[in-house]
Structures are given as structure tokens and as C-alpha cells.
Amino acid sequence: MPTAIVVINAGSSSIKFSVFVEWGAELRLQVRGQIERLFTAPRFVAKGVDGAVVGEQAWGEGQRLGHDGALDFLLGFLRERSGGMNLAGVGHRVVHGGLEYAQPVRVDPRVLAALEKYVPLAPLHQPHNLAPIRRLLERAPDVPQVACFDTAFHRTNADLTQMFGLPYAMFEQGVRRYGFHGLSYEYIASVLPRHSARAAAGRTIVLHLGNGASMCALHGCRSVASSMGFTAVDGLMMGTRTGNLDPGVVLYLMDQRGMDARAIEKLLYNESGLLGISAISSDMRTLLDSSEPRARLAIDLYCYRIRRELGSLAAALGGVDALVFTAGIGENSAPIRARVLDDAAWLGIERDTTANDGGGPLLTTAASRVLGLALPTNEELMIATHTRTVIRAQ
């Protein structure tokens, strides 16, 4: 009987899912999809590996499924399509594992309670990540569930790298740089040896550029520093997030503008970044197609922030052997890759225009002292792999 693993990535208003089937030692994607707009006009779509729609449903305007209703619907859909497959377990993307969880873990009520302690550290992600876990513990307590953490990959960072210039007691209490997008970086680290032994063994900077964006310095495929810090709003400017910001700005907004914590949170996470600068869109494709000066300005600032962070991470590594682009913008936007590669010419990077325009994976010339690559990430496969490993070990 075929064995399946379901991967769930729950956000504030959507649940994305993937179904992987064991094929010998491999895990092969069978179905993927999402239920979006959970609280307004829910819509479900599922597609096979060939892109063909295998399931679709829409609810009326004003309907509310919520996370519980969406998960119940998804379970029903998966039962109908199981075809006699055995569900080995469910893997979940969970943004924050804190200091306690440096590895994927099987979730029970005790672990769930521990993970809820990290909601204040990731208030826009953690509650939604945990909602399907809680529902499944109620509805199907015998189905193994595994939490895989975006922070875990960065637990190899030295204490010095994680510290802020705050009283040391706060560091001991957990106020530190955690780093995020760890599942994406872990996947890139796992495939990097196939593309370059030098990059895998040496000093590589990975650029995860999507609606959320960050950069990670790898040495020997281990994380040594990240652009993101205590929260996922730090570092690079993103689609709607500010990135790095002087904390004095927050104090000013409170004291002089009368903004409370929730208003500032909305500003930093939802109204800033590419959207805030351009006043047009948070989507890089839309901005690249626009002739508006503010669209150009948003792109310029986005690339400038990458250039600044690249210099910082190169210094942390003591040099660079390779740059790797991944995620939606990193994998698909040749103009942004070109800007970043050209800005990094001082490192000894020589862009291959034809290769970059063609999408890579190799982006640089044979004469380039630093290798440039574009590699697709696969966080879902990483979660499925971890889930199988944890379940088999118990």
C-alpha cells in the first residue's frame, strides 16, 4: 500500500498543502493546492504534478471557513483521493521554534503548548501555523504530526552573532537574532554539493528573495549569519515589510504620531516595503513593468538594501565563494539578479548576460572569481523529508 505524507503551510488567511508519496527511497509530489481567503470568499484549488486541476470549489462572498473549517474540508478531499494510500503523517511549517527546538519534532499537546509560548515572537505567523496542528490533534489524534521550524537551521549561529547590544540578561531570556526562512536555506544547502563542491565546502551567501526576503551566510553549508533577526520583519526590504529600521523610528511614531503597537505592527508588516515606497504594488513583476518613478525608486531601494546586506554578510564570512538566488524573485527575475550581480562586481563577480537571462542555474562567466547560481527552493519537500525521518525514528 503506497504511503503518503501531507505537508501543510498555514498562513493568516490561507492553507497551502502538498501530498508526497513514497516511491522507494524518494518522496514524489502527487498533489498540491491551497484554500485561500478563509474569512471572506474562500476558494479551494488542487492540482496534480502536471498542473491539471484535480479539485476545485468556491464559497460565496462573506462566507467564513476559518482554519478549522478549511482543514476539515481538506481532510475530506484527501480521504476521497486517498486511493487506498496509507497516511504516514502530516508535516507543518512552523515559523518559530525558539531556543528549545533546533530540530523537527513530533507534536503532542505538551509540545503544542510549548510552541504557543513563541506566539509573541511571531504574532503574524505562529498562531496560524499552530491552528491546523491543534485541529488535527482533536480530529485525528492518532495521525503523527511533525513541526518543522524556520528558525532551526540558524541555531548553528554563534552566540556573538545572535546578540543585540542589550543587557545580557535579555539575551539569556531569548531576546536575540533567530533568523528565518531556514527550511528554504536548508534545502539549498542540501542540493548545493550537486552544483559546486567549492560553494558547498566554502563561503556561500544565499538570497531568498520573495514577498518575504532574507539572506543567509553559509560556511560549509551551515548557517553562520542571517539578515533576519528577532522577528521576520528585520533585514532586507520586502514586499510589504520595512526590513531594517532604526528602533528610534518606532519610539517617534508612538510619541509624536500617537500610534499604538497594533497600528505600528500593521505599518511595519503590511504597509511598507515595495508597496509603501511605490504606492503601486508589492509585486516585483508589476513594478518592473511600470514606468512610474516611484516604482523605479522602490526597485532601487530594494536592490540597494541587498547590496548593503551582501557587504555585511561577506564581511561576516571573511570572503565569498558563491552567491545563490532562490525563491520567487530570486529564481524568476533576471533583471533583479542582474542588478544584484552587477552591484557585487567588487567581489569579483562577472555576470554572464545570456545565462542570467535564461534563468541559469549558472549565472556567471568562467572568469568570474565568485560563482553565481539560481536554484529553485523546495521547502515542502524539506518538510516531507523531515516528517518521514521523525516518524521512522519513533
Protein backbone atom coordinates (compact mmCIF):
# COMPACT_ATOMS: atom_id res chain seq x y z
CA MET A 1 0.00 0.00 0.00
CA PRO A 2 1.52 3.39 -1.00
CA THR A 3 2.48 5.67 1.86
CA ALA A 4 1.71 9.39 1.77
CA ILE A 5 2.89 12.40 3.72
CA VAL A 6 0.85 15.60 3.76
CA VAL A 7 2.62 18.95 4.17
CA ILE A 8 0.66 21.94 5.49
CA ASN A 9 1.74 25.57 5.45
CA ALA A 10 -0.91 27.69 7.15
CA GLY A 11 -0.93 31.47 6.89
CA SER A 12 -3.22 34.16 8.23
CA SER A 13 -5.87 33.70 5.52
CA SER A 14 -4.83 30.59 3.61
CA ILE A 15 -3.74 26.98 3.97
CA LYS A 16 -1.34 25.61 1.38
CA PHE A 17 -0.85 21.87 1.17
CA SER A 18 1.18 19.25 -0.69
CA VAL A 19 0.87 15.48 -0.80
CA PHE A 20 4.03 13.41 -1.26
CA VAL A 21 4.03 9.67 -1.95
CA GLU A 22 6.91 7.36 -1.10
CA TRP A 23 8.44 5.86 -4.20
CA GLY A 24 11.24 3.65 -2.95
CA ALA A 25 13.65 5.97 -1.17
CA GLU A 26 12.15 9.01 -2.93
CA LEU A 27 9.30 11.28 -1.95
CA ARG A 28 7.37 12.32 -5.04
CA LEU A 29 4.90 15.16 -5.19
CA GLN A 30 1.42 13.97 -6.16
CA VAL A 31 -0.95 16.88 -5.43
CA ARG A 32 -0.58 20.44 -4.23
CA GLY A 33 -3.02 23.27 -3.69
CA GLN A 34 -4.47 25.78 -1.30
CA ILE A 35 -7.57 27.15 0.31
CA GLU A 36 -7.34 30.93 0.27
CA ARG A 37 -9.42 33.86 1.56
CA LEU A 38 -10.52 31.79 4.56
CA PHE A 39 -12.54 34.61 6.14
CA THR A 40 -14.08 36.36 3.12
CA ALA A 41 -14.83 34.32 -0.02
CA PRO A 42 -12.98 31.01 0.39
CA ARG A 43 -11.67 29.27 -2.70
CA PHE A 44 -10.08 25.83 -2.96
CA VAL A 45 -7.97 24.52 -5.81
CA ALA A 46 -5.76 21.44 -6.07
CA LYS A 47 -3.50 20.48 -8.97
CA GLY A 48 -1.58 17.40 -9.97
CA VAL A 49 2.10 17.37 -10.85
CA ASP A 50 1.20 18.13 -14.48
CA GLY A 51 -0.62 21.30 -13.41
CA ALA A 52 -4.07 19.91 -14.21
CA VAL A 53 -6.81 20.88 -11.74
CA VAL A 54 -7.93 17.83 -9.75
CA GLY A 55 -10.17 19.60 -7.26
CA GLU A 56 -11.86 22.98 -7.08
CA GLN A 57 -14.55 24.68 -5.01
CA ALA A 58 -15.61 28.23 -4.22
CA TRP A 59 -17.73 29.55 -1.39
CA GLY A 60 -19.85 32.68 -1.58
CA GLU A 61 -18.80 36.20 -0.70
CA GLY A 62 -18.91 36.74 3.03
CA GLN A 63 -18.56 33.03 3.86
CA ARG A 64 -16.11 32.14 6.62
CA LEU A 65 -14.34 28.80 6.76
CA GLY A 66 -11.56 29.79 9.10
CA HIS A 67 -8.62 27.47 9.67
CA ASP A 68 -10.71 24.76 11.34
CA GLY A 69 -13.31 24.63 8.58
CA ALA A 70 -10.64 24.72 5.88
CA LEU A 71 -8.74 21.85 7.47
CA ASP A 72 -11.93 19.79 7.82
CA PHE A 73 -12.67 20.33 4.12
CA LEU A 74 -9.10 19.45 3.18
CA LEU A 75 -9.21 16.22 5.18
CA GLY A 76 -12.38 15.23 3.36
CA PHE A 77 -10.81 15.96 -0.02
CA LEU A 78 -7.71 13.92 0.84
CA ARG A 79 -9.80 10.95 2.03
CA GLU A 80 -11.70 10.94 -1.27
CA ARG A 81 -8.44 10.93 -3.24
CA SER A 82 -6.52 8.56 -1.00
CA GLY A 83 -6.97 5.58 -3.34
CA GLY A 84 -6.07 3.19 -0.54
CA MET A 85 -2.91 5.09 0.41
CA ASN A 86 -1.68 4.97 3.97
CA LEU A 87 -1.27 8.41 5.58
CA ALA A 88 2.06 8.17 7.37
CA GLY A 89 1.87 11.64 8.88
CA VAL A 90 1.44 15.37 8.46
CA GLY A 91 4.32 17.85 8.42
CA HIS A 92 3.79 21.51 9.30
CA ARG A 93 5.81 24.61 8.63
CA VAL A 94 6.11 26.45 11.94
CA VAL A 95 7.92 29.77 11.85
CA HIS A 96 9.33 29.85 15.37
CA GLY A 97 10.92 27.08 17.41
CA GLY A 98 12.66 29.42 19.84
CA LEU A 99 15.74 28.14 21.64
CA GLU A 100 14.06 24.88 22.59
CA TYR A 101 13.59 23.34 19.15
CA ALA A 102 16.63 23.10 16.89
CA GLN A 103 15.27 20.04 15.07
CA PRO A 104 11.89 18.93 13.72
CA VAL A 105 9.74 17.38 16.44
CA ARG A 106 6.65 15.20 16.67
CA VAL A 107 3.84 17.28 18.13
CA ASP A 108 1.70 16.26 21.07
CA PRO A 109 -0.32 18.50 23.41
CA ARG A 110 2.79 19.22 25.51
CA VAL A 111 4.84 20.32 22.50
CA LEU A 112 1.94 22.38 21.17
CA ALA A 113 1.71 24.23 24.48
CA ALA A 114 5.46 24.92 24.34
CA LEU A 115 5.19 26.30 20.80
CA GLU A 116 2.38 28.62 21.82
CA LYS A 117 4.89 30.42 24.06
CA TYR A 118 6.54 31.74 20.89
CA VAL A 119 3.41 33.46 19.56
CA PRO A 120 4.63 36.87 20.88
CA LEU A 121 7.85 36.40 18.89
CA ALA A 122 5.99 35.78 15.61
CA PRO A 123 2.46 37.09 16.14
CA LEU A 124 1.59 37.25 12.44
CA HIS A 125 2.70 33.68 11.71
CA GLN A 126 2.85 31.38 14.73
CA PRO A 127 -0.86 31.35 15.69
CA HIS A 128 -1.88 30.39 12.16
CA ASN A 129 0.88 27.76 11.87
CA LEU A 130 -0.38 26.10 15.05
CA ALA A 131 -4.13 26.23 14.26
CA PRO A 132 -4.16 23.16 11.94
CA ILE A 133 -1.98 21.20 14.39
CA ARG A 134 -4.46 21.85 17.17
CA ARG A 135 -7.42 20.88 14.98
CA LEU A 136 -5.76 17.65 13.85
CA LEU A 137 -4.94 16.68 17.43
CA GLU A 138 -8.67 16.96 18.10
CA ARG A 139 -9.96 15.30 14.92
CA ALA A 140 -7.29 12.67 14.24
CA PRO A 141 -5.11 12.22 17.34
CA ASP A 142 -3.56 9.01 16.02
CA VAL A 143 -2.10 10.69 12.90
CA PRO A 144 1.55 11.60 13.58
CA GLN A 145 2.24 15.32 13.19
CA VAL A 146 5.69 16.85 12.85
CA ALA A 147 6.57 20.54 13.29
CA CYS A 148 9.43 21.81 11.12
CA PHE A 149 10.86 25.19 12.08
CA ASP A 150 12.05 28.15 10.03
CA THR A 151 14.39 29.12 12.86
CA ALA A 152 16.03 25.71 13.41
CA PHE A 153 18.62 25.92 10.61
CA HIS A 154 20.11 29.06 12.18
CA ARG A 155 20.69 27.52 15.60
CA THR A 156 24.27 26.85 14.40
CA ASN A 157 24.93 30.62 14.60
CA ALA A 158 27.46 31.58 17.27
CA ASP A 159 26.16 33.38 20.37
CA LEU A 160 28.05 36.50 19.33
CA THR A 161 26.17 36.53 16.02
CA GLN A 162 22.84 36.29 17.79
CA MET A 163 23.38 39.07 20.33
CA PHE A 164 21.92 42.57 20.38
CA GLY A 165 23.58 45.36 22.34
CA LEU A 166 21.01 44.97 25.10
CA PRO A 167 21.57 43.89 28.71
CA TYR A 168 22.94 40.33 28.70
CA ALA A 169 20.04 39.09 30.81
CA MET A 170 17.71 39.76 27.87
CA PHE A 171 19.87 37.58 25.63
CA GLU A 172 19.61 34.77 28.17
CA GLN A 173 15.83 35.28 28.22
CA GLY A 174 15.59 34.80 24.46
CA VAL A 175 15.85 38.31 23.01
CA ARG A 176 18.29 37.52 20.20
CA ARG A 177 18.67 37.12 16.45
CA TYR A 178 16.88 33.93 15.43
CA GLY A 179 16.84 34.12 11.62
CA PHE A 180 14.05 32.74 9.44
CA HIS A 181 13.43 31.07 6.04
CA GLY A 182 15.51 28.23 7.47
CA LEU A 183 13.66 25.46 5.62
CA SER A 184 14.46 27.15 2.31
CA TYR A 185 18.12 27.60 3.22
CA GLU A 186 18.35 24.03 4.45
CA TYR A 187 17.04 22.74 1.14
CA ILE A 188 19.52 24.87 -0.83
CA ALA A 189 22.34 23.61 1.40
CA SER A 190 21.24 20.02 0.73
CA VAL A 191 21.43 20.40 -3.08
CA LEU A 192 24.40 22.77 -3.30
CA PRO A 193 27.00 19.96 -3.45
CA ARG A 194 25.42 18.77 -6.74
CA HIS A 195 26.17 22.14 -8.33
CA SER A 196 29.50 23.16 -6.84
CA ALA A 197 31.77 21.35 -4.40
CA ARG A 198 33.62 24.61 -3.81
CA ALA A 199 30.44 26.51 -2.91
CA ALA A 200 29.24 23.68 -0.65
CA ALA A 201 32.52 23.46 1.25
CA GLY A 202 33.25 27.17 1.24
CA ARG A 203 31.59 30.54 1.85
CA THR A 204 28.23 31.00 0.16
CA ILE A 205 25.58 33.70 0.52
CA VAL A 206 22.04 32.60 -0.33
CA LEU A 207 19.45 35.21 -1.27
CA HIS A 208 15.88 34.09 -0.56
CA LEU A 209 14.03 36.78 -2.49
CA GLY A 210 10.26 36.56 -2.49
CA ASN A 211 7.44 38.57 -0.95
CA GLY A 212 9.34 37.86 2.23
CA ALA A 213 13.07 38.28 1.67
CA SER A 214 16.24 37.49 3.55
CA MET A 215 19.86 36.47 3.08
CA CYS A 216 21.92 33.81 4.80
CA ALA A 217 25.68 33.28 5.06
CA LEU A 218 26.69 29.63 4.81
CA HIS A 219 30.09 28.18 5.62
CA GLY A 220 30.36 24.53 4.72
CA CYS A 221 26.56 24.53 4.19
CA ARG A 222 25.96 25.60 7.80
CA SER A 223 24.27 28.88 8.69
CA VAL A 224 26.65 31.36 10.32
CA ALA A 225 24.64 34.59 9.96
CA SER A 226 21.29 35.81 8.65
CA SER A 227 19.82 39.17 7.66
CA MET A 228 16.67 38.49 9.70
CA GLY A 229 16.79 38.88 13.45
CA PHE A 230 14.38 38.67 16.38
CA THR A 231 11.43 38.81 14.00
CA ALA A 232 10.79 38.24 10.30
CA VAL A 233 10.48 42.00 9.67
CA ASP A 234 14.23 42.64 10.03
CA GLY A 235 16.89 42.82 7.35
CA LEU A 236 16.02 43.34 3.68
CA MET A 237 13.14 45.46 2.50
CA MET A 238 10.33 43.15 1.34
CA GLY A 239 7.00 43.22 -0.44
CA THR A 240 5.16 44.95 2.41
CA ARG A 241 7.70 44.84 5.26
CA THR A 242 10.19 47.57 6.13
CA GLY A 243 13.25 45.46 6.74
CA ASN A 244 15.98 47.02 8.86
CA LEU A 245 14.69 50.04 10.79
CA ASP A 246 16.14 52.32 13.45
CA PRO A 247 14.15 51.46 16.63
CA GLY A 248 14.07 55.18 17.34
CA VAL A 249 11.57 55.48 14.49
CA VAL A 250 9.16 53.29 16.45
CA LEU A 251 9.54 55.49 19.52
CA TYR A 252 8.92 58.56 17.37
CA LEU A 253 5.76 57.03 15.90
CA MET A 254 4.50 56.30 19.40
CA ASP A 255 5.40 59.63 20.97
CA GLN A 256 4.82 62.07 18.13
CA ARG A 257 2.25 60.33 15.93
CA GLY A 258 0.26 58.69 18.74
CA MET A 259 0.41 55.25 17.11
CA ASP A 260 -0.18 52.21 19.32
CA ALA A 261 1.51 48.81 18.99
CA ARG A 262 -1.11 47.37 16.63
CA ALA A 263 -1.01 50.37 14.29
CA ILE A 264 2.79 50.20 14.17
CA GLU A 265 2.67 46.46 13.58
CA LYS A 266 0.35 46.99 10.60
CA LEU A 267 2.65 49.70 9.25
CA LEU A 268 5.83 47.63 9.56
CA TYR A 269 4.43 44.36 8.23
CA ASN A 270 1.65 45.28 5.79
CA GLU A 271 2.02 48.87 4.53
CA SER A 272 5.73 49.32 3.93
CA GLY A 273 8.40 47.81 1.67
CA LEU A 274 7.85 47.79 -2.08
CA LEU A 275 4.18 48.66 -1.59
CA GLY A 276 4.86 51.56 0.75
CA ILE A 277 7.60 53.12 -1.37
CA SER A 278 5.87 52.68 -4.73
CA ALA A 279 2.25 53.18 -3.64
CA ILE A 280 1.54 50.84 -6.57
CA SER A 281 2.14 47.22 -5.67
CA SER A 282 4.09 44.78 -3.51
CA ASP A 283 4.62 42.56 -6.57
CA MET A 284 8.04 42.95 -8.16
CA ARG A 285 6.68 41.92 -11.58
CA THR A 286 4.18 44.78 -11.53
CA LEU A 287 6.86 47.28 -10.54
CA LEU A 288 9.29 46.10 -13.22
CA ASP A 289 6.55 46.58 -15.83
CA SER A 290 5.68 50.07 -14.56
CA SER A 291 7.09 53.33 -15.90
CA GLU A 292 6.14 55.25 -12.75
CA PRO A 293 9.09 56.96 -10.98
CA ARG A 294 8.00 55.59 -7.61
CA ALA A 295 8.12 52.05 -8.99
CA ARG A 296 11.72 52.69 -10.07
CA LEU A 297 12.50 54.13 -6.65
CA ALA A 298 11.11 51.07 -4.87
CA ILE A 299 13.22 48.75 -7.03
CA ASP A 300 16.31 50.89 -6.50
CA LEU A 301 15.88 50.80 -2.72
CA TYR A 302 15.21 47.04 -2.78
CA CYS A 303 18.47 46.42 -4.65
CA TYR A 304 20.42 48.90 -2.54
CA ARG A 305 19.38 47.12 0.65
CA ILE A 306 20.54 43.82 -0.85
CA ARG A 307 23.90 45.40 -1.74
CA ARG A 308 24.33 46.69 1.84
CA GLU A 309 23.43 43.33 3.37
CA LEU A 310 25.69 41.49 0.95
CA GLY A 311 28.62 43.54 2.13
CA SER A 312 27.75 42.78 5.74
CA LEU A 313 27.49 39.02 5.21
CA ALA A 314 30.63 38.94 3.08
CA ALA A 315 32.47 40.56 5.97
CA ALA A 316 30.99 38.05 8.42
CA LEU A 317 32.25 35.20 6.24
CA GLY A 318 35.64 36.79 5.55
CA GLY A 319 35.08 36.43 1.81
CA VAL A 320 32.66 34.85 -0.65
CA ASP A 321 32.94 31.87 -2.97
CA ALA A 322 29.37 31.83 -4.31
CA LEU A 323 26.05 33.66 -4.43
CA VAL A 324 22.84 31.65 -4.77
CA PHE A 325 19.47 33.18 -5.72
CA THR A 326 16.27 31.40 -4.76
CA ALA A 327 12.52 31.88 -4.10
CA GLY A 328 10.04 33.69 -6.36
CA ILE A 329 12.06 36.78 -7.31
CA GLY A 330 15.45 35.12 -6.97
CA GLU A 331 14.53 32.23 -9.23
CA ASN A 332 12.48 34.10 -11.82
CA SER A 333 13.53 37.76 -12.08
CA ALA A 334 16.52 38.13 -14.39
CA PRO A 335 16.52 41.96 -14.07
CA ILE A 336 16.83 41.85 -10.28
CA ARG A 337 19.53 39.17 -10.43
CA ALA A 338 21.39 41.31 -12.96
CA ARG A 339 21.25 44.35 -10.69
CA VAL A 340 22.50 42.38 -7.69
CA LEU A 341 25.28 40.62 -9.60
CA ASP A 342 26.50 43.86 -11.16
CA ASP A 343 26.41 45.61 -7.77
CA ALA A 344 28.61 42.78 -6.45
CA ALA A 345 31.29 43.17 -9.12
CA TRP A 346 33.65 44.38 -6.37
CA LEU A 347 33.62 40.82 -5.02
CA GLY A 348 34.96 39.51 -8.31
CA ILE A 349 31.61 38.53 -9.83
CA GLU A 350 31.29 38.64 -13.61
CA ARG A 351 27.74 38.17 -14.83
CA ASP A 352 27.00 36.03 -17.89
CA THR A 353 24.18 38.00 -19.52
CA THR A 354 22.89 35.15 -21.67
CA ALA A 355 22.96 32.64 -18.81
CA ASN A 356 21.23 35.04 -16.41
CA ASP A 357 18.53 35.92 -18.93
CA GLY A 358 17.99 32.20 -19.50
CA GLY A 359 17.45 31.51 -15.82
CA GLY A 360 20.67 29.68 -15.00
CA PRO A 361 21.38 27.68 -12.96
CA LEU A 362 24.84 29.10 -13.69
CA LEU A 363 24.73 32.91 -13.87
CA THR A 364 28.41 33.87 -14.10
CA THR A 365 31.23 33.56 -16.63
CA ALA A 366 34.10 31.10 -16.44
CA ALA A 367 36.38 34.01 -15.48
CA SER A 368 34.25 35.05 -12.51
CA ARG A 369 36.09 34.62 -9.21
CA VAL A 370 32.75 34.18 -7.39
CA LEU A 371 30.20 31.67 -8.64
CA GLY A 372 26.61 32.83 -9.22
CA LEU A 373 23.72 30.35 -9.25
CA ALA A 374 19.93 30.42 -9.41
CA LEU A 375 18.45 27.35 -7.71
CA PRO A 376 14.77 26.58 -7.02
CA THR A 377 13.96 26.04 -3.38
CA ASN A 378 11.59 23.34 -2.15
CA GLU A 379 10.50 23.91 1.44
CA GLU A 380 7.62 21.43 1.07
CA LEU A 381 9.95 18.57 0.15
CA MET A 382 12.21 19.53 3.05
CA ILE A 383 9.25 19.32 5.44
CA ALA A 384 8.10 16.00 3.98
CA THR A 385 11.62 14.58 4.32
CA HIS A 386 11.89 15.70 7.94
CA THR A 387 8.44 14.32 8.70
CA ARG A 388 9.31 10.88 7.36
CA THR A 389 12.61 10.86 9.27
CA VAL A 390 10.99 11.79 12.60
CA ILE A 391 8.18 9.26 12.20
CA ARG A 392 10.55 6.43 11.27
CA ALA A 393 12.76 7.18 14.27
CA GLN A 394 9.88 6.59 16.72
